[in-house]
Amino acid sequence: TPVVTDDSTSYKWGEANVIRFRGEKGVFKDAFEHRLASDYTNEGEDMAIIACGPSVIEAMRAAWILKQEYNLETRVLNMHTVKPLDEKAIAQAAKDCGVVVTAEEHQVGGLGNL
């Protein structure tokens, strides 16, 4: 997802990236930290949003709004590969956060059905 990543973003085929809002910055995407899901330690987030493709930036916007307006901490999972799907990262987010939603751009199928 080029809008939210660059050459310094950790990447591993088949493994999700965790994106966390870290506070206001001059450039929107710079306000977020990216890590491989396997390198991430639970921070007690209130919820997780799972997204892929163009929906990742919308999930990041939602995380920003949830923090600014409701003081809710949100873990965003960037599922940059759906096959293979990082089932471990999804299960860990559900276990850690309790509330998991998917951000998608279509009506039928997709991450919500996996």
Protein backbone atom coordinates (compact mmCIF):
# COMPACT_ATOMS: atom_id res chain seq x y z
CA THR A 1 0.00 0.00 0.00
CA PRO A 2 2.24 2.83 -1.26
CA VAL A 3 0.22 5.61 0.36
CA VAL A 4 1.09 4.37 3.85
CA THR A 5 4.42 2.61 3.36
CA ASP A 6 7.85 3.41 2.03
CA ASP A 7 11.22 1.69 1.63
CA SER A 8 11.82 1.73 5.39
CA THR A 9 8.58 -0.14 6.23
CA SER A 10 9.16 -3.69 7.46
CA TYR A 11 7.80 -6.27 5.05
CA LYS A 12 7.56 -10.05 5.05
CA TRP A 13 5.51 -12.03 2.53
CA GLY A 14 2.38 -13.42 4.19
CA GLU A 15 2.79 -11.47 7.43
CA ALA A 16 0.60 -8.50 8.33
CA ASN A 17 1.93 -5.15 9.44
CA VAL A 18 0.62 -3.55 12.62
CA ILE A 19 0.08 0.20 12.28
CA ARG A 20 -0.30 2.36 15.41
CA PHE A 21 -1.14 6.06 15.72
CA ARG A 22 1.62 7.72 17.76
CA GLY A 23 0.54 11.36 17.87
CA GLU A 24 0.17 14.41 15.67
CA LYS A 25 2.79 15.05 12.98
CA GLY A 26 3.02 17.50 10.10
CA VAL A 27 2.41 14.71 7.57
CA PHE A 28 -0.49 12.34 8.29
CA LYS A 29 1.33 9.07 7.52
CA ASP A 30 4.29 10.09 9.71
CA ALA A 31 2.00 10.00 12.76
CA PHE A 32 1.91 6.21 12.51
CA GLU A 33 4.40 3.48 13.37
CA HIS A 34 4.61 0.27 11.32
CA ARG A 35 5.86 -3.10 12.57
CA LEU A 36 5.66 -6.70 11.46
CA ALA A 37 2.91 -8.48 13.39
CA SER A 38 5.45 -11.01 14.71
CA ASP A 39 7.49 -8.15 16.23
CA TYR A 40 4.49 -6.47 17.85
CA THR A 41 3.72 -6.61 21.57
CA ASN A 42 0.19 -6.04 22.83
CA GLU A 43 -0.37 -2.46 23.98
CA GLY A 44 -3.87 -2.98 25.37
CA GLU A 45 -5.74 -1.46 22.44
CA ASP A 46 -9.50 -1.09 22.66
CA MET A 47 -10.11 -2.48 19.18
CA ALA A 48 -8.48 -3.68 15.96
CA ILE A 49 -9.28 -2.76 12.37
CA ILE A 50 -8.21 -5.20 9.66
CA ALA A 51 -7.81 -3.76 6.18
CA CYS A 52 -6.08 -4.32 2.87
CA GLY A 53 -5.31 -2.20 -0.17
CA PRO A 54 -6.96 1.23 -0.38
CA SER A 55 -8.92 0.57 2.82
CA VAL A 56 -5.74 0.74 4.93
CA ILE A 57 -5.55 4.53 4.74
CA GLU A 58 -9.23 4.72 5.74
CA ALA A 59 -8.52 2.44 8.72
CA MET A 60 -5.66 4.75 9.70
CA ARG A 61 -8.01 7.75 9.49
CA ALA A 62 -10.49 5.89 11.68
CA ALA A 63 -7.75 5.12 14.23
CA TRP A 64 -6.82 8.81 14.30
CA ILE A 65 -10.45 9.90 14.78
CA LEU A 66 -11.09 7.27 17.45
CA LYS A 67 -8.07 8.50 19.41
CA GLN A 68 -8.76 12.21 18.97
CA GLU A 69 -12.50 12.17 19.64
CA TYR A 70 -13.02 9.17 21.93
CA ASN A 71 -9.55 8.45 23.36
CA LEU A 72 -9.73 4.88 22.01
CA GLU A 73 -6.52 3.06 21.09
CA THR A 74 -6.76 1.14 17.82
CA ARG A 75 -4.53 -1.48 16.24
CA VAL A 76 -4.65 -1.42 12.44
CA LEU A 77 -3.65 -4.64 10.67
CA ASN A 78 -2.46 -4.07 7.11
CA MET A 79 -3.14 -7.38 5.37
CA HIS A 80 -0.95 -6.61 2.37
CA THR A 81 -1.19 -10.27 1.35
CA VAL A 82 -4.52 -12.10 1.56
CA LYS A 83 -3.08 -15.33 0.18
CA PRO A 84 -1.38 -16.39 2.33
CA LEU A 85 -3.51 -14.84 5.04
CA ASP A 86 -1.81 -14.00 8.34
CA GLU A 87 -4.28 -15.93 10.49
CA LYS A 88 -1.99 -15.72 13.50
CA ALA A 89 -2.07 -11.88 13.48
CA ILE A 90 -5.87 -11.90 13.19
CA ALA A 91 -6.26 -14.38 16.07
CA GLN A 92 -3.83 -12.38 18.21
CA ALA A 93 -5.70 -9.13 17.54
CA ALA A 94 -9.00 -10.79 18.51
CA LYS A 95 -7.45 -12.18 21.68
CA ASP A 96 -5.72 -8.93 22.65
CA CYS A 97 -8.40 -6.41 21.68
CA GLY A 98 -11.71 -8.25 21.91
CA VAL A 99 -13.29 -6.04 19.23
CA VAL A 100 -12.24 -6.61 15.61
CA VAL A 101 -13.74 -4.97 12.53
CA THR A 102 -12.78 -5.12 8.87
CA ALA A 103 -12.57 -2.12 6.56
CA GLU A 104 -13.41 -3.11 3.01
CA GLU A 105 -14.58 -1.53 -0.23
CA HIS A 106 -17.10 -4.08 -1.47
CA GLN A 107 -20.32 -5.80 -0.38
CA VAL A 108 -19.77 -9.56 -0.57
CA GLY A 109 -16.80 -11.73 0.36
CA GLY A 110 -13.45 -10.35 1.43
CA LEU A 111 -11.74 -10.22 4.80
CA GLY A 112 -14.98 -10.39 6.77
CA ASN A 113 -15.72 -13.81 5.29
CA LEU A 114 -12.27 -15.25 5.95
